[in-house]
Protein backbone atom coordinates (compact mmCIF):
# COMPACT_ATOMS: atom_id res chain seq x y z
CA MET A 1 -27.22 -157.68 80.77
CA PRO A 2 -28.08 -154.59 78.81
CA ARG A 3 -27.25 -151.27 80.81
CA PRO A 4 -30.41 -149.08 81.95
CA LEU A 5 -31.55 -146.21 80.01
CA LYS A 6 -30.27 -142.85 81.49
CA ILE A 7 -32.78 -140.08 81.63
CA VAL A 8 -30.89 -136.88 82.05
CA ILE A 9 -32.51 -133.59 83.00
CA PRO A 10 -30.16 -130.59 83.67
CA MET A 11 -31.53 -128.44 86.44
CA ALA A 12 -28.37 -126.33 87.39
CA GLY A 13 -29.81 -122.95 85.87
CA TYR A 14 -30.71 -120.01 88.07
CA GLY A 15 -34.32 -119.78 86.60
CA THR A 16 -33.73 -116.18 86.14
CA ARG A 17 -36.89 -115.75 83.94
CA LEU A 18 -38.95 -117.06 86.61
CA ARG A 19 -38.09 -114.80 89.32
CA PRO A 20 -38.93 -113.61 91.97
CA LEU A 21 -40.30 -117.18 92.49
CA THR A 22 -36.92 -118.80 91.87
CA TRP A 23 -35.04 -116.82 94.47
CA SER A 24 -36.27 -119.53 97.04
CA LYS A 25 -36.96 -122.50 94.96
CA PRO A 26 -35.48 -124.23 91.97
CA LYS A 27 -37.27 -124.04 88.62
CA PRO A 28 -38.42 -127.59 88.73
CA LEU A 29 -40.24 -126.90 91.86
CA VAL A 30 -42.42 -124.23 90.58
CA PRO A 31 -46.08 -125.23 91.10
CA LEU A 32 -47.97 -126.07 87.74
CA ALA A 33 -51.66 -127.20 87.65
CA GLY A 34 -51.82 -128.96 90.88
CA LYS A 35 -48.13 -130.56 90.75
CA THR A 36 -44.79 -129.18 90.03
CA VAL A 37 -42.90 -128.92 86.98
CA LEU A 38 -40.68 -131.71 88.21
CA ASP A 39 -43.63 -133.88 88.48
CA TYR A 40 -44.67 -133.41 84.85
CA LEU A 41 -41.14 -134.22 83.80
CA VAL A 42 -41.03 -137.56 85.56
CA ASP A 43 -44.50 -138.30 84.23
CA MET A 44 -43.46 -137.37 80.54
CA PHE A 45 -40.98 -140.34 80.70
CA HIS A 46 -43.30 -143.08 81.81
CA SER A 47 -43.83 -144.48 78.38
CA VAL A 48 -40.23 -145.70 78.23
CA SER A 49 -40.00 -149.31 78.13
CA ASN A 50 -38.73 -150.69 81.39
CA PHE A 51 -39.14 -147.46 83.05
CA GLU A 52 -38.72 -149.09 86.50
CA GLN A 53 -35.16 -150.01 85.48
CA ALA A 54 -34.18 -146.39 84.28
CA GLU A 55 -31.77 -144.29 86.03
CA PHE A 56 -32.50 -140.46 86.29
CA VAL A 57 -29.65 -138.15 86.33
CA PHE A 58 -30.71 -134.68 87.78
CA ILE A 59 -27.83 -132.24 87.11
CA LEU A 60 -27.99 -129.75 90.09
CA GLY A 61 -26.59 -126.33 90.50
CA PRO A 62 -24.47 -125.21 93.70
CA THR A 63 -27.47 -123.98 95.51
CA MET A 64 -30.98 -125.22 96.19
CA GLY A 65 -30.15 -128.56 94.84
CA GLU A 66 -30.94 -130.20 98.13
CA GLN A 67 -34.56 -129.14 97.67
CA ILE A 68 -34.82 -131.20 94.50
CA GLN A 69 -33.18 -134.09 96.37
CA GLU A 70 -35.64 -133.91 99.30
CA TYR A 71 -38.67 -133.55 96.98
CA THR A 72 -37.54 -136.54 94.88
CA SER A 73 -36.75 -138.68 97.73
CA TRP A 74 -40.10 -138.01 99.33
CA HIS A 75 -42.36 -138.17 96.21
CA TYR A 76 -40.42 -140.77 94.07
CA PRO A 77 -38.78 -143.14 96.65
CA ASN A 78 -38.67 -146.00 94.04
CA LEU A 79 -36.79 -143.92 91.42
CA LYS A 80 -32.99 -144.48 91.13
CA VAL A 81 -31.48 -141.14 90.89
CA HIS A 82 -28.01 -139.53 90.37
CA TYR A 83 -27.22 -135.83 91.63
CA PRO A 84 -24.15 -134.63 90.05
CA ILE A 85 -23.39 -130.95 90.52
CA GLN A 86 -22.50 -128.57 88.07
CA PRO A 87 -20.53 -125.83 90.14
CA GLU A 88 -20.24 -123.01 87.34
CA MET A 89 -23.08 -121.98 84.89
CA ILE A 90 -20.92 -122.32 81.71
CA GLY A 91 -23.51 -124.10 79.49
CA GLN A 92 -25.49 -127.14 78.66
CA SER A 93 -22.66 -129.29 77.40
CA ASP A 94 -20.48 -128.46 80.63
CA ALA A 95 -23.61 -129.89 82.55
CA PHE A 96 -23.23 -133.39 80.68
CA TRP A 97 -19.57 -133.16 81.23
CA GLN A 98 -20.06 -132.88 85.01
CA ALA A 99 -22.31 -135.97 85.02
CA ARG A 100 -20.17 -138.00 82.75
CA GLU A 101 -19.42 -140.71 85.34
CA PHE A 102 -23.21 -141.69 85.16
CA LEU A 103 -23.51 -141.38 81.39
CA HIS A 104 -22.97 -144.75 79.78
CA GLY A 105 -25.04 -146.46 77.17
CA SER A 106 -28.33 -145.13 75.82
CA MET A 107 -29.39 -141.57 77.00
CA LEU A 108 -32.60 -139.79 76.93
CA MET A 109 -32.45 -136.14 77.84
CA ALA A 110 -34.82 -133.17 78.19
CA PHE A 111 -34.18 -129.60 79.50
CA SER A 112 -36.01 -128.91 82.70
CA ASP A 113 -38.44 -126.28 81.16
CA THR A 114 -39.52 -128.70 78.20
CA LEU A 115 -42.54 -130.51 78.64
CA ILE A 116 -43.87 -132.69 75.64
CA GLU A 117 -46.43 -135.20 75.07
CA ILE A 118 -44.65 -138.34 73.25
CA ASP A 119 -44.78 -141.97 73.56
CA PHE A 120 -40.97 -143.00 73.84
CA SER A 121 -41.82 -146.59 73.87
CA PHE A 122 -40.52 -147.28 70.28
CA LEU A 123 -36.79 -146.44 71.55
CA LYS A 124 -36.23 -150.09 72.61
CA ASP A 125 -36.10 -150.69 68.64
CA GLU A 126 -34.39 -147.51 67.45
CA GLN A 127 -31.49 -148.01 65.00
CA ALA A 128 -30.43 -144.41 64.66
CA ASP A 129 -27.48 -143.13 66.64
CA GLY A 130 -29.61 -140.24 67.85
CA ILE A 131 -32.98 -138.43 67.56
CA ALA A 132 -33.77 -134.80 68.11
CA TRP A 133 -37.38 -134.10 68.88
CA VAL A 134 -38.85 -131.23 66.87
CA LYS A 135 -41.89 -129.22 66.12
CA PRO A 136 -42.69 -127.26 62.88
CA VAL A 137 -43.68 -123.73 63.37
CA PRO A 138 -44.59 -120.95 61.18
CA ASP A 139 -41.56 -118.75 62.16
CA PRO A 140 -38.36 -120.56 63.45
CA ARG A 141 -36.22 -117.53 63.54
CA ARG A 142 -35.92 -117.18 67.25
CA PHE A 143 -35.39 -120.63 67.71
CA GLY A 144 -32.81 -123.46 67.06
CA VAL A 145 -33.82 -125.67 64.15
CA ALA A 146 -32.55 -129.08 62.91
CA GLU A 147 -31.57 -129.09 59.14
CA VAL A 148 -32.03 -132.34 57.34
CA ASP A 149 -31.15 -133.77 54.11
CA GLU A 150 -33.61 -135.55 51.52
CA ASN A 151 -33.37 -138.71 53.48
CA GLY A 152 -34.66 -137.20 56.70
CA ARG A 153 -30.97 -137.29 58.22
CA VAL A 154 -29.94 -134.36 60.56
CA THR A 155 -26.99 -132.65 58.78
CA ARG A 156 -26.63 -129.83 61.37
CA LEU A 157 -28.26 -127.68 64.12
CA ILE A 158 -28.62 -123.99 63.41
CA GLU A 159 -29.21 -121.45 66.31
CA LYS A 160 -31.70 -118.70 65.22
CA PRO A 161 -31.72 -119.10 61.46
CA GLN A 162 -31.95 -116.10 59.37
CA SER A 163 -34.06 -118.07 56.87
CA MET A 164 -37.66 -119.36 57.15
CA ASP A 165 -37.08 -122.35 54.72
CA ASN A 166 -36.50 -124.84 57.51
CA ASN A 167 -39.14 -124.75 60.20
CA LEU A 168 -38.19 -127.87 62.35
CA VAL A 169 -37.65 -126.22 65.75
CA LEU A 170 -35.59 -127.99 68.42
CA VAL A 171 -37.75 -128.49 71.42
CA GLY A 172 -34.95 -129.36 73.87
CA CYS A 173 -35.29 -133.30 74.10
CA TYR A 174 -32.68 -135.72 72.54
CA TYR A 175 -31.95 -139.41 72.20
CA PHE A 176 -28.28 -140.82 72.09
CA ARG A 177 -27.88 -144.43 71.62
CA GLU A 178 -24.41 -144.15 73.23
CA ALA A 179 -23.87 -141.31 75.80
CA GLU A 180 -20.24 -141.80 75.43
CA GLU A 181 -20.18 -140.28 71.83
CA LEU A 182 -21.77 -137.25 73.03
CA LEU A 183 -19.21 -136.86 75.71
CA SER A 184 -16.51 -137.38 73.09
CA ALA A 185 -17.88 -134.58 71.14
CA ILE A 186 -18.25 -132.36 74.36
CA LYS A 187 -14.62 -133.15 75.12
CA ALA A 188 -13.51 -131.80 71.68
CA GLN A 189 -15.88 -128.90 72.19
CA LYS A 190 -14.19 -127.80 75.32
CA GLU A 191 -10.63 -128.42 73.88
CA GLN A 192 -11.65 -126.38 70.78
CA ASP A 193 -13.26 -123.68 73.12
CA LEU A 194 -16.52 -123.59 71.16
CA SER A 195 -18.49 -121.40 73.27
CA LEU A 196 -20.67 -118.28 73.24
CA ARG A 197 -20.18 -115.65 75.75
CA GLY A 198 -18.38 -118.22 77.93
CA GLU A 199 -21.07 -120.89 77.51
CA PHE A 200 -20.78 -124.31 75.95
CA TYR A 201 -24.02 -125.14 74.08
CA LEU A 202 -25.27 -128.54 73.38
CA ALA A 203 -25.93 -127.79 69.76
CA ASP A 204 -22.10 -127.31 69.10
CA ALA A 205 -21.34 -130.47 70.38
CA ILE A 206 -24.04 -132.39 68.36
CA ASN A 207 -22.69 -130.51 65.30
CA ILE A 208 -19.33 -132.12 65.95
CA LEU A 209 -21.03 -135.57 66.09
CA LEU A 210 -22.78 -134.84 62.81
CA GLU A 211 -19.46 -133.82 61.16
CA ARG A 212 -18.24 -137.09 62.33
CA GLY A 213 -21.02 -138.97 60.59
CA PHE A 214 -23.31 -139.43 63.38
CA ASN A 215 -26.69 -140.76 62.21
CA MET A 216 -29.40 -138.41 63.74
CA ARG A 217 -32.96 -138.15 62.62
CA THR A 218 -35.90 -135.96 63.74
CA GLU A 219 -39.12 -137.09 65.64
CA ILE A 220 -42.12 -134.76 65.43
CA VAL A 221 -43.79 -133.52 68.52
CA ASP A 222 -47.41 -132.24 68.46
CA THR A 223 -47.49 -130.92 71.74
CA TRP A 224 -44.69 -128.77 73.25
CA LEU A 225 -45.22 -126.98 76.42
CA ASP A 226 -42.86 -124.30 78.03
CA ALA A 227 -42.37 -123.80 81.78
CA GLY A 228 -39.26 -121.37 81.40
CA THR A 229 -41.02 -118.00 81.65
CA ILE A 230 -43.80 -116.62 83.71
CA ALA A 231 -46.03 -116.10 80.73
CA ALA A 232 -45.26 -119.63 79.32
CA THR A 233 -45.83 -121.11 82.72
CA ILE A 234 -49.40 -119.54 83.02
CA GLU A 235 -49.98 -120.58 79.46
CA THR A 236 -49.05 -124.04 80.15
CA ASN A 237 -51.24 -124.20 83.30
CA ARG A 238 -54.14 -123.33 80.92
CA TYR A 239 -53.27 -126.19 78.49
CA LEU A 240 -53.02 -128.77 81.27
CA MET A 241 -56.20 -127.93 82.78
CA ASP A 242 -57.95 -128.13 79.36
CA HIS A 243 -56.55 -131.53 79.18
CA GLY A 244 -57.47 -133.45 82.11
CA ARG A 245 -55.81 -131.54 85.03
CA GLU A 246 -58.79 -129.97 86.54
CA ASN A 247 -60.99 -131.00 89.36
CA SER A 248 -63.96 -128.62 89.64
CA ALA A 249 -66.28 -131.30 90.21
CA ALA A 250 -65.00 -131.68 93.84
CA TRP A 251 -66.07 -128.30 94.67
CA THR A 252 -69.87 -128.19 93.92
CA ASP A 253 -71.11 -127.59 97.23
CA LEU A 254 -69.71 -124.20 98.30
CA GLU A 255 -72.75 -122.11 99.14
CA ASP A 256 -71.08 -118.69 99.34
CA SER A 257 -68.63 -119.08 96.47
CA LEU A 258 -68.51 -119.79 92.66
CA ILE A 259 -66.16 -122.11 90.94
CA ILE A 260 -65.67 -121.48 87.19
CA PRO A 261 -63.98 -124.61 85.54
CA PRO A 262 -61.50 -125.47 84.66
CA VAL A 263 -59.62 -125.10 87.72
CA ASN A 264 -57.27 -127.12 90.10
CA LEU A 265 -57.69 -126.75 93.77
CA HIS A 266 -55.95 -128.66 96.60
CA PRO A 267 -58.58 -130.34 98.74
CA SER A 268 -57.19 -128.61 101.69
CA ALA A 269 -57.63 -125.09 100.10
CA GLN A 270 -60.22 -122.93 101.73
CA ILE A 271 -62.53 -120.62 99.63
CA ARG A 272 -65.04 -118.07 101.22
CA LYS A 273 -67.31 -115.52 99.49
CA SER A 274 -65.16 -115.73 96.35
CA THR A 275 -65.23 -116.64 92.80
CA ILE A 276 -62.40 -118.68 91.28
CA GLY A 277 -61.74 -119.58 87.86
CA PRO A 278 -61.25 -120.21 85.14
CA TYR A 279 -57.79 -121.51 84.91
CA VAL A 280 -56.88 -120.98 88.63
CA SER A 281 -54.56 -123.48 90.53
CA LEU A 282 -54.66 -123.32 94.27
CA GLY A 283 -51.95 -124.97 96.41
CA GLU A 284 -52.15 -126.76 99.85
CA GLY A 285 -53.50 -124.90 102.76
CA THR A 286 -54.35 -121.67 100.82
CA LEU A 287 -56.96 -119.56 101.82
CA VAL A 288 -59.14 -117.05 99.33
CA GLU A 289 -61.55 -114.99 100.84
CA ASN A 290 -63.80 -112.20 99.42
CA SER A 291 -61.93 -112.32 96.14
CA LEU A 292 -61.90 -112.67 92.57
CA ILE A 293 -59.31 -114.90 90.93
CA GLU A 294 -58.85 -115.98 87.20
CA ASP A 295 -56.05 -117.41 85.26
CA ALA A 296 -53.46 -117.70 88.01
CA ILE A 297 -51.26 -120.08 89.79
CA ILE A 298 -51.30 -119.83 93.51
CA GLY A 299 -48.83 -121.65 95.79
CA SER A 300 -49.17 -123.27 99.22
CA GLU A 301 -50.23 -121.70 102.57
CA THR A 302 -51.03 -118.56 100.90
CA VAL A 303 -53.73 -116.06 102.17
CA ILE A 304 -55.68 -113.78 99.68
CA THR A 305 -58.31 -111.37 101.04
CA ASP A 306 -60.40 -108.63 99.26
CA CYS A 307 -58.43 -109.07 96.02
CA LYS A 308 -59.28 -109.07 92.33
CA LEU A 309 -56.28 -110.99 90.58
CA GLU A 310 -55.79 -112.25 87.04
CA THR A 311 -52.77 -113.65 84.96
CA SER A 312 -50.77 -114.15 88.20
CA LEU A 313 -47.94 -116.40 89.56
CA ILE A 314 -47.90 -116.13 93.22
CA GLY A 315 -45.52 -118.23 95.59
CA ASP A 316 -45.91 -120.04 99.04
CA ARG A 317 -46.97 -118.41 102.19
CA VAL A 318 -47.71 -115.13 100.61
CA THR A 319 -50.32 -112.67 102.21
CA ILE A 320 -51.97 -110.44 99.81
CA SER A 321 -55.07 -108.24 100.69
CA GLY A 322 -56.98 -105.68 99.09
CA VAL A 323 -55.41 -105.12 95.68
CA SER A 324 -56.20 -105.73 92.11
CA GLY A 325 -54.41 -106.53 88.84
CA LYS A 326 -51.54 -109.00 87.72
CA PHE A 327 -48.90 -109.94 90.21
CA ASN A 328 -45.84 -112.10 90.19
CA LEU A 329 -44.94 -112.66 93.69
CA GLY A 330 -42.07 -114.85 95.41
CA ASP A 331 -42.39 -117.04 98.53
CA ASP A 332 -43.03 -115.31 101.67
CA SER A 333 -44.04 -111.88 100.31
CA GLN A 334 -46.62 -109.51 101.65
CA VAL A 335 -48.54 -106.93 99.60
CA GLN A 336 -51.54 -104.91 100.84
CA ARG A 337 -53.34 -101.99 99.94
């Protein structure tokens, strides 16, 4: 009987680029267009053949991991999920090493701020040893890229190339037909101490595999969304609302307020004497009164009164009153004029 596919998502990072919101919640639980980033990650893999038999491996950090476990068990009770811990933040390869007891057979992985739109169903017939998903971009120099030969085979991964000749940017999603091969390369990487500033990067482990003759090819991604920074998360929120994640039609009978689509508003949100939208996400139980909000992600049980907000990311249980501008506020904050 074939072993189930392992779907691995490293989640141990501190999410520093999303602070202050990630002081109190892990990055995968940041709200995004009516869901969390974690919801979109799970949805991303539904096209995998025999999805119901797949096993998820969420690699957690030493703190706040219980929030991931509680959320997953409540919202996805039928998923089989393993929760290995990465005790020290010493790189991507180390995260997989800490999860090695669960990594057997075929493995599909994505980083926790990588959201792509792709059909994974072809993997059941895949013959290559591995796949790196890539997206061509005009200027690849601030990314990692995959160098390929004339046959389309990956020869090496290059971090922040100086040249613009190769524009196949690595989006952070990979397939390995045998996870054990990756673990063998990570073991060699650790033994050789192939690290940068104390961190073991996955690209170095993959390059070891390629030097051994590993047959990896690329697969093009058309849509690559990022939820790793505040600006990128707000931009991704816009994209999702433009592509089906909006519900303005359910809010047509507000006599004292104006809804400008697209928006994603939780049914329990309350809106009074306000203009909401476009591109606004309101969480469960949030109240907006006498305010104007556009291009913003607002968490749950937050109260906003007499405000004019734009391009903002605001957490849960926030009280904000009498202010205007752009705000990035963590959970349980209070701001007033």
